[in-house]
Amino acid sequence: MELQVRAVGLNFRDVLNVLGEYPGDPGPPGSDCAGVVDNAGSMRLHAVGAPVCGFGDASLACLATASALLVATKAGALAFEQA
């Protein structure tokens, strides 16, 4: 699925990655994110336009890809930054 990213969580691994100090291949920075479903993909577990949070691939961009199994519906009481 594709997500329109609204907020991203950064961690120490991301800092080490950007500084070139992470041992081995850390992958692209950013993984946990919150946003809105842009394309539901083939599994269609979440509707287009639904607010979600979870783990995406390279989520420091405007659009991120994610497995529908690693994304959950965002609680309405939480802002995207909190989720």
PDB file of N, CA and C in Angstrom:
ATOM      1  N   MET A   1       0.826  -1.171   0.000  1.00  0.00           N
ATOM      2  CA  MET A   1       0.000   0.000   0.000  1.00  0.00           C
ATOM      3  C   MET A   1       0.874   1.240   0.000  1.00  0.00           C
ATOM      4  N   GLU A   2       0.303   2.389  -0.373  1.00  0.00           N
ATOM      5  CA  GLU A   2       1.029   3.659  -0.355  1.00  0.00           C
ATOM      6  C   GLU A   2       0.393   4.598   0.664  1.00  0.00           C
ATOM      7  N   LEU A   3       1.245   5.330   1.380  1.00  0.00           N
ATOM      8  CA  LEU A   3       0.789   6.266   2.403  1.00  0.00           C
ATOM      9  C   LEU A   3       1.250   7.679   2.070  1.00  0.00           C
ATOM     10  N   GLN A   4       0.360   8.641   2.260  1.00  0.00           N
ATOM     11  CA  GLN A   4       0.762  10.044   2.255  1.00  0.00           C
ATOM     12  C   GLN A   4       1.259  10.320   3.671  1.00  0.00           C
ATOM     13  N   VAL A   5       2.547  10.516   3.820  1.00  0.00           N
ATOM     14  CA  VAL A   5       3.163  10.634   5.143  1.00  0.00           C
ATOM     15  C   VAL A   5       2.845  11.994   5.758  1.00  0.00           C
ATOM     16  N   ARG A   6       2.371  11.972   6.991  1.00  0.00           N
ATOM     17  CA  ARG A   6       2.094  13.199   7.751  1.00  0.00           C
ATOM     18  C   ARG A   6       3.087  13.399   8.887  1.00  0.00           C
ATOM     19  N   ALA A   7       3.623  12.294   9.456  1.00  0.00           N
ATOM     20  CA  ALA A   7       4.594  12.390  10.546  1.00  0.00           C
ATOM     21  C   ALA A   7       5.487  11.150  10.530  1.00  0.00           C
ATOM     22  N   VAL A   8       6.741  11.333  10.942  1.00  0.00           N
ATOM     23  CA  VAL A   8       7.721  10.246  10.967  1.00  0.00           C
ATOM     24  C   VAL A   8       8.414  10.236  12.316  1.00  0.00           C
ATOM     25  N   GLY A   9       8.642   9.048  12.844  1.00  0.00           N
ATOM     26  CA  GLY A   9       9.412   8.913  14.071  1.00  0.00           C
ATOM     27  C   GLY A   9      10.869   8.648  13.733  1.00  0.00           C
ATOM     28  N   LEU A  10      11.775   9.390  14.343  1.00  0.00           N
ATOM     29  CA  LEU A  10      13.208   9.177  14.145  1.00  0.00           C
ATOM     30  C   LEU A  10      13.793   8.537  15.394  1.00  0.00           C
ATOM     31  N   ASN A  11      14.770   7.674  15.204  1.00  0.00           N
ATOM     32  CA  ASN A  11      15.418   7.046  16.340  1.00  0.00           C
ATOM     33  C   ASN A  11      16.930   7.124  16.187  1.00  0.00           C
ATOM     34  N   PHE A  12      17.648   6.586  17.142  1.00  0.00           N
ATOM     35  CA  PHE A  12      19.101   6.685  17.148  1.00  0.00           C
ATOM     36  C   PHE A  12      19.711   5.987  15.936  1.00  0.00           C
ATOM     37  N   ARG A  13      19.115   4.892  15.486  1.00  0.00           N
ATOM     38  CA  ARG A  13      19.604   4.197  14.287  1.00  0.00           C
ATOM     39  C   ARG A  13      19.588   5.134  13.095  1.00  0.00           C
ATOM     40  N   ASP A  14      18.529   5.946  12.967  1.00  0.00           N
ATOM     41  CA  ASP A  14      18.436   6.899  11.861  1.00  0.00           C
ATOM     42  C   ASP A  14      19.550   7.943  11.927  1.00  0.00           C
ATOM     43  N   VAL A  15      19.862   8.414  13.142  1.00  0.00           N
ATOM     44  CA  VAL A  15      20.937   9.403  13.317  1.00  0.00           C
ATOM     45  C   VAL A  15      22.272   8.794  12.897  1.00  0.00           C
ATOM     46  N   LEU A  16      22.563   7.588  13.391  1.00  0.00           N
ATOM     47  CA  LEU A  16      23.806   6.922  13.012  1.00  0.00           C
ATOM     48  C   LEU A  16      23.864   6.672  11.506  1.00  0.00           C
ATOM     49  N   ASN A  17      22.749   6.320  10.910  1.00  0.00           N
ATOM     50  CA  ASN A  17      22.671   6.066   9.477  1.00  0.00           C
ATOM     51  C   ASN A  17      23.051   7.318   8.694  1.00  0.00           C
ATOM     52  N   VAL A  18      22.451   8.439   9.036  1.00  0.00           N
ATOM     53  CA  VAL A  18      22.702   9.691   8.313  1.00  0.00           C
ATOM     54  C   VAL A  18      24.154  10.140   8.497  1.00  0.00           C
ATOM     55  N   LEU A  19      24.732   9.882   9.672  1.00  0.00           N
ATOM     56  CA  LEU A  19      26.131  10.249   9.924  1.00  0.00           C
ATOM     57  C   LEU A  19      27.121   9.260   9.314  1.00  0.00           C
ATOM     58  N   GLY A  20      26.615   8.152   8.776  1.00  0.00           N
ATOM     59  CA  GLY A  20      27.498   7.142   8.198  1.00  0.00           C
ATOM     60  C   GLY A  20      28.225   6.318   9.241  1.00  0.00           C
ATOM     61  N   GLU A  21      27.710   6.268  10.457  1.00  0.00           N
ATOM     62  CA  GLU A  21      28.354   5.569  11.564  1.00  0.00           C
ATOM     63  C   GLU A  21      27.682   4.247  11.922  1.00  0.00           C
ATOM     64  N   TYR A  22      26.616   3.876  11.239  1.00  0.00           N
ATOM     65  CA  TYR A  22      25.924   2.631  11.581  1.00  0.00           C
ATOM     66  C   TYR A  22      26.714   1.446  11.029  1.00  0.00           C
ATOM     67  N   PRO A  23      26.993   0.437  11.857  1.00  0.00           N
ATOM     68  CA  PRO A  23      27.739  -0.728  11.353  1.00  0.00           C
ATOM     69  C   PRO A  23      26.828  -1.588  10.474  1.00  0.00           C
ATOM     70  N   GLY A  24      27.240  -1.826   9.269  1.00  0.00           N
ATOM     71  CA  GLY A  24      26.432  -2.619   8.353  1.00  0.00           C
ATOM     72  C   GLY A  24      25.450  -1.755   7.590  1.00  0.00           C
ATOM     73  N   ASP A  25      24.478  -2.392   6.991  1.00  0.00           N
ATOM     74  CA  ASP A  25      23.485  -1.684   6.181  1.00  0.00           C
ATOM     75  C   ASP A  25      22.212  -1.463   6.993  1.00  0.00           C
ATOM     76  N   PRO A  26      21.939  -0.229   7.421  1.00  0.00           N
ATOM     77  CA  PRO A  26      20.738   0.023   8.212  1.00  0.00           C
ATOM     78  C   PRO A  26      19.484   0.195   7.355  1.00  0.00           C
ATOM     79  N   GLY A  27      19.641   0.269   6.043  1.00  0.00           N
ATOM     80  CA  GLY A  27      18.496   0.542   5.174  1.00  0.00           C
ATOM     81  C   GLY A  27      18.223   2.029   5.151  1.00  0.00           C
ATOM     82  N   PRO A  28      17.187   2.444   4.454  1.00  0.00           N
ATOM     83  CA  PRO A  28      16.881   3.875   4.386  1.00  0.00           C
ATOM     84  C   PRO A  28      16.394   4.395   5.735  1.00  0.00           C
ATOM     85  N   PRO A  29      16.706   5.659   6.052  1.00  0.00           N
ATOM     86  CA  PRO A  29      16.258   6.213   7.338  1.00  0.00           C
ATOM     87  C   PRO A  29      14.753   6.376   7.396  1.00  0.00           C
ATOM     88  N   GLY A  30      14.222   6.278   8.599  1.00  0.00           N
ATOM     89  CA  GLY A  30      12.779   6.423   8.805  1.00  0.00           C
ATOM     90  C   GLY A  30      12.063   5.113   8.574  1.00  0.00           C
ATOM     91  N   SER A  31      11.258   4.710   9.515  1.00  0.00           N
ATOM     92  CA  SER A  31      10.457   3.503   9.312  1.00  0.00           C
ATOM     93  C   SER A  31       9.077   3.663   9.932  1.00  0.00           C
ATOM     94  N   ASP A  32       8.995   4.122  11.171  1.00  0.00           N
ATOM     95  CA  ASP A  32       7.685   4.293  11.776  1.00  0.00           C
ATOM     96  C   ASP A  32       7.104   5.637  11.346  1.00  0.00           C
ATOM     97  N   CYS A  33       5.838   5.585  10.923  1.00  0.00           N
ATOM     98  CA  CYS A  33       5.216   6.790  10.379  1.00  0.00           C
ATOM     99  C   CYS A  33       3.707   6.764  10.593  1.00  0.00           C
ATOM    100  N   ALA A  34       3.103   7.907  10.368  1.00  0.00           N
ATOM    101  CA  ALA A  34       1.653   8.038  10.409  1.00  0.00           C
ATOM    102  C   ALA A  34       1.240   8.848   9.191  1.00  0.00           C
ATOM    103  N   GLY A  35       0.113   8.504   8.628  1.00  0.00           N
ATOM    104  CA  GLY A  35      -0.342   9.213   7.435  1.00  0.00           C
ATOM    105  C   GLY A  35      -1.711   8.755   6.995  1.00  0.00           C
ATOM    106  N   VAL A  36      -1.986   8.996   5.723  1.00  0.00           N
ATOM    107  CA  VAL A  36      -3.279   8.682   5.132  1.00  0.00           C
ATOM    108  C   VAL A  36      -3.059   7.716   3.977  1.00  0.00           C
ATOM    109  N   VAL A  37      -3.908   6.704   3.860  1.00  0.00           N
ATOM    110  CA  VAL A  37      -3.786   5.723   2.787  1.00  0.00           C
ATOM    111  C   VAL A  37      -4.052   6.406   1.450  1.00  0.00           C
ATOM    112  N   ASP A  38      -3.080   6.302   0.540  1.00  0.00           N
ATOM    113  CA  ASP A  38      -3.197   6.874  -0.801  1.00  0.00           C
ATOM    114  C   ASP A  38      -3.594   5.805  -1.810  1.00  0.00           C
ATOM    115  N   ASN A  39      -3.077   4.592  -1.626  1.00  0.00           N
ATOM    116  CA  ASN A  39      -3.390   3.458  -2.494  1.00  0.00           C
ATOM    117  C   ASN A  39      -3.467   2.236  -1.597  1.00  0.00           C
ATOM    118  N   ALA A  40      -4.606   1.578  -1.584  1.00  0.00           N
ATOM    119  CA  ALA A  40      -4.840   0.470  -0.652  1.00  0.00           C
ATOM    120  C   ALA A  40      -4.082  -0.795  -1.024  1.00  0.00           C
ATOM    121  N   GLY A  41      -3.617  -0.919  -2.249  1.00  0.00           N
ATOM    122  CA  GLY A  41      -2.895  -2.112  -2.664  1.00  0.00           C
ATOM    123  C   GLY A  41      -3.818  -3.298  -2.842  1.00  0.00           C
ATOM    124  N   SER A  42      -3.239  -4.467  -3.026  1.00  0.00           N
ATOM    125  CA  SER A  42      -4.033  -5.662  -3.350  1.00  0.00           C
ATOM    126  C   SER A  42      -4.761  -6.250  -2.140  1.00  0.00           C
ATOM    127  N   MET A  43      -4.245  -6.058  -0.924  1.00  0.00           N
ATOM    128  CA  MET A  43      -4.887  -6.651   0.257  1.00  0.00           C
ATOM    129  C   MET A  43      -6.124  -5.881   0.697  1.00  0.00           C
ATOM    130  N   ARG A  44      -6.146  -4.599   0.459  1.00  0.00           N
ATOM    131  CA  ARG A  44      -7.275  -3.725   0.778  1.00  0.00           C
ATOM    132  C   ARG A  44      -7.765  -3.870   2.220  1.00  0.00           C
ATOM    133  N   LEU A  45      -6.821  -3.912   3.156  1.00  0.00           N
ATOM    134  CA  LEU A  45      -7.191  -3.978   4.571  1.00  0.00           C
ATOM    135  C   LEU A  45      -7.600  -2.615   5.114  1.00  0.00           C
ATOM    136  N   HIS A  46      -7.161  -1.546   4.436  1.00  0.00           N
ATOM    137  CA  HIS A  46      -7.475  -0.183   4.858  1.00  0.00           C
ATOM    138  C   HIS A  46      -8.018   0.576   3.654  1.00  0.00           C
ATOM    139  N   ALA A  47      -9.033   1.387   3.873  1.00  0.00           N
ATOM    140  CA  ALA A  47      -9.653   2.150   2.787  1.00  0.00           C
ATOM    141  C   ALA A  47      -8.781   3.342   2.396  1.00  0.00           C
ATOM    142  N   VAL A  48      -8.864   3.739   1.142  1.00  0.00           N
ATOM    143  CA  VAL A  48      -8.167   4.939   0.689  1.00  0.00           C
ATOM    144  C   VAL A  48      -8.695   6.134   1.481  1.00  0.00           C
ATOM    145  N   GLY A  49      -7.792   6.955   1.990  1.00  0.00           N
ATOM    146  CA  GLY A  49      -8.160   8.110   2.802  1.00  0.00           C
ATOM    147  C   GLY A  49      -8.198   7.841   4.290  1.00  0.00           C
ATOM    148  N   ALA A  50      -8.021   6.581   4.699  1.00  0.00           N
ATOM    149  CA  ALA A  50      -8.062   6.237   6.123  1.00  0.00           C
ATOM    150  C   ALA A  50      -6.787   6.694   6.821  1.00  0.00           C
ATOM    151  N   PRO A  51      -6.891   7.289   8.009  1.00  0.00           N
ATOM    152  CA  PRO A  51      -5.696   7.645   8.771  1.00  0.00           C
ATOM    153  C   PRO A  51      -5.108   6.401   9.429  1.00  0.00           C
ATOM    154  N   VAL A  52      -3.812   6.187   9.252  1.00  0.00           N
ATOM    155  CA  VAL A  52      -3.155   4.985   9.760  1.00  0.00           C
ATOM    156  C   VAL A  52      -1.804   5.333  10.373  1.00  0.00           C
ATOM    157  N   CYS A  53      -1.231   4.372  11.101  1.00  0.00           N
ATOM    158  CA  CYS A  53       0.130   4.484  11.600  1.00  0.00           C
ATOM    159  C   CYS A  53       0.753   3.096  11.570  1.00  0.00           C
ATOM    160  N   GLY A  54       2.066   3.050  11.458  1.00  0.00           N
ATOM    161  CA  GLY A  54       2.755   1.767  11.406  1.00  0.00           C
ATOM    162  C   GLY A  54       4.149   1.922  10.844  1.00  0.00           C
ATOM    163  N   PHE A  55       4.618   0.883  10.158  1.00  0.00           N
ATOM    164  CA  PHE A  55       5.965   0.856   9.611  1.00  0.00           C
ATOM    165  C   PHE A  55       5.920   0.932   8.093  1.00  0.00           C
ATOM    166  N   GLY A  56       6.615   1.919   7.542  1.00  0.00           N
ATOM    167  CA  GLY A  56       6.697   2.085   6.095  1.00  0.00           C
ATOM    168  C   GLY A  56       8.135   1.992   5.640  1.00  0.00           C
ATOM    169  N   ASP A  57       8.324   1.922   4.338  1.00  0.00           N
ATOM    170  CA  ASP A  57       9.655   1.843   3.758  1.00  0.00           C
ATOM    171  C   ASP A  57      10.077   3.227   3.294  1.00  0.00           C
ATOM    172  N   ALA A  58      11.181   3.733   3.830  1.00  0.00           N
ATOM    173  CA  ALA A  58      11.724   5.048   3.475  1.00  0.00           C
ATOM    174  C   ALA A  58      10.666   6.131   3.669  1.00  0.00           C
ATOM    175  N   SER A  59      10.137   6.225   4.868  1.00  0.00           N
ATOM    176  CA  SER A  59       9.003   7.115   5.133  1.00  0.00           C
ATOM    177  C   SER A  59       9.373   8.582   5.335  1.00  0.00           C
ATOM    178  N   LEU A  60      10.623   8.956   5.077  1.00  0.00           N
ATOM    179  CA  LEU A  60      11.003  10.363   5.153  1.00  0.00           C
ATOM    180  C   LEU A  60      10.639  11.115   3.879  1.00  0.00           C
ATOM    181  N   ALA A  61       9.839  10.520   3.038  1.00  0.00           N
ATOM    182  CA  ALA A  61       9.373  11.146   1.802  1.00  0.00           C
ATOM    183  C   ALA A  61       7.901  11.517   1.960  1.00  0.00           C
ATOM    184  N   CYS A  62       7.346  12.164   0.951  1.00  0.00           N
ATOM    185  CA  CYS A  62       5.919  12.511   0.982  1.00  0.00           C
ATOM    186  C   CYS A  62       5.046  11.270   0.853  1.00  0.00           C
ATOM    187  N   LEU A  63       5.506  10.299   0.058  1.00  0.00           N
ATOM    188  CA  LEU A  63       4.802   9.032  -0.117  1.00  0.00           C
ATOM    189  C   LEU A  63       5.706   7.897   0.325  1.00  0.00           C
ATOM    190  N   ALA A  64       5.153   6.945   1.045  1.00  0.00           N
ATOM    191  CA  ALA A  64       5.910   5.774   1.484  1.00  0.00           C
ATOM    192  C   ALA A  64       5.117   4.525   1.147  1.00  0.00           C
ATOM    193  N   THR A  65       5.812   3.434   0.916  1.00  0.00           N
ATOM    194  CA  THR A  65       5.144   2.160   0.722  1.00  0.00           C
ATOM    195  C   THR A  65       5.181   1.394   2.038  1.00  0.00           C
ATOM    196  N   ALA A  66       4.173   0.580   2.256  1.00  0.00           N
ATOM    197  CA  ALA A  66       4.100  -0.196   3.495  1.00  0.00           C
ATOM    198  C   ALA A  66       3.306  -1.466   3.243  1.00  0.00           C
ATOM    199  N   SER A  67       3.606  -2.484   4.014  1.00  0.00           N
ATOM    200  CA  SER A  67       2.794  -3.687   4.004  1.00  0.00           C
ATOM    201  C   SER A  67       1.525  -3.401   4.805  1.00  0.00           C
ATOM    202  N   ALA A  68       0.396  -3.779   4.272  1.00  0.00           N
ATOM    203  CA  ALA A  68      -0.869  -3.552   4.977  1.00  0.00           C
ATOM    204  C   ALA A  68      -0.897  -4.274   6.323  1.00  0.00           C
ATOM    205  N   LEU A  69      -0.093  -5.320   6.467  1.00  0.00           N
ATOM    206  CA  LEU A  69      -0.038  -6.070   7.721  1.00  0.00           C
ATOM    207  C   LEU A  69       0.732  -5.332   8.813  1.00  0.00           C
ATOM    208  N   LEU A  70       1.523  -4.309   8.429  1.00  0.00           N
ATOM    209  CA  LEU A  70       2.322  -3.556   9.403  1.00  0.00           C
ATOM    210  C   LEU A  70       1.751  -2.168   9.673  1.00  0.00           C
ATOM    211  N   VAL A  71       0.503  -1.967   9.293  1.00  0.00           N
ATOM    212  CA  VAL A  71      -0.159  -0.669   9.449  1.00  0.00           C
ATOM    213  C   VAL A  71      -1.478  -0.878  10.183  1.00  0.00           C
ATOM    214  N   ALA A  72      -1.788   0.019  11.120  1.00  0.00           N
ATOM    215  CA  ALA A  72      -3.039  -0.057  11.877  1.00  0.00           C
ATOM    216  C   ALA A  72      -3.793   1.260  11.749  1.00  0.00           C
ATOM    217  N   THR A  73      -5.082   1.209  11.952  1.00  0.00           N
ATOM    218  CA  THR A  73      -5.888   2.425  11.932  1.00  0.00           C
ATOM    219  C   THR A  73      -5.482   3.327  13.093  1.00  0.00           C
ATOM    220  N   LYS A  74      -5.265   4.601  12.803  1.00  0.00           N
ATOM    221  CA  LYS A  74      -4.875   5.573  13.823  1.00  0.00           C
ATOM    222  C   LYS A  74      -6.077   5.890  14.697  1.00  0.00           C
ATOM    223  N   ALA A  75      -5.866   5.947  15.985  1.00  0.00           N
ATOM    224  CA  ALA A  75      -6.926   6.331  16.908  1.00  0.00           C
ATOM    225  C   ALA A  75      -7.332   7.789  16.644  1.00  0.00           C
ATOM    226  N   GLY A  76      -8.613   8.059  16.599  1.00  0.00           N
ATOM    227  CA  GLY A  76      -9.100   9.389  16.294  1.00  0.00           C
ATOM    228  C   GLY A  76      -8.668  10.453  17.285  1.00  0.00           C
ATOM    229  N   ALA A  77      -8.421  10.058  18.532  1.00  0.00           N
ATOM    230  CA  ALA A  77      -8.020  11.016  19.570  1.00  0.00           C
ATOM    231  C   ALA A  77      -6.569  11.451  19.447  1.00  0.00           C
ATOM    232  N   LEU A  78      -5.774  10.727  18.628  1.00  0.00           N
ATOM    233  CA  LEU A  78      -4.360  11.051  18.483  1.00  0.00           C
ATOM    234  C   LEU A  78      -4.103  11.891  17.248  1.00  0.00           C
ATOM    235  N   ALA A  79      -3.205  12.864  17.381  1.00  0.00           N
ATOM    236  CA  ALA A  79      -2.714  13.598  16.227  1.00  0.00           C
ATOM    237  C   ALA A  79      -1.737  12.685  15.476  1.00  0.00           C
ATOM    238  N   PHE A  80      -1.443  13.001  14.222  1.00  0.00           N
ATOM    239  CA  PHE A  80      -0.508  12.182  13.456  1.00  0.00           C
ATOM    240  C   PHE A  80       0.855  12.123  14.138  1.00  0.00           C
ATOM    241  N   GLU A  81       1.293  13.242  14.729  1.00  0.00           N
ATOM    242  CA  GLU A  81       2.576  13.279  15.417  1.00  0.00           C
ATOM    243  C   GLU A  81       2.592  12.371  16.648  1.00  0.00           C
ATOM    244  N   GLN A  82       1.485  12.234  17.311  1.00  0.00           N
ATOM    245  CA  GLN A  82       1.399  11.361  18.488  1.00  0.00           C
ATOM    246  C   GLN A  82       1.333   9.890  18.086  1.00  0.00           C
ATOM    247  N   ALA A  83       0.687   9.613  16.985  1.00  0.00           N
ATOM    248  CA  ALA A  83       0.541   8.229  16.542  1.00  0.00           C
ATOM    249  C   ALA A  83       1.875   7.670  16.114  1.00  0.00           C
TER     250      ALA A  83
END
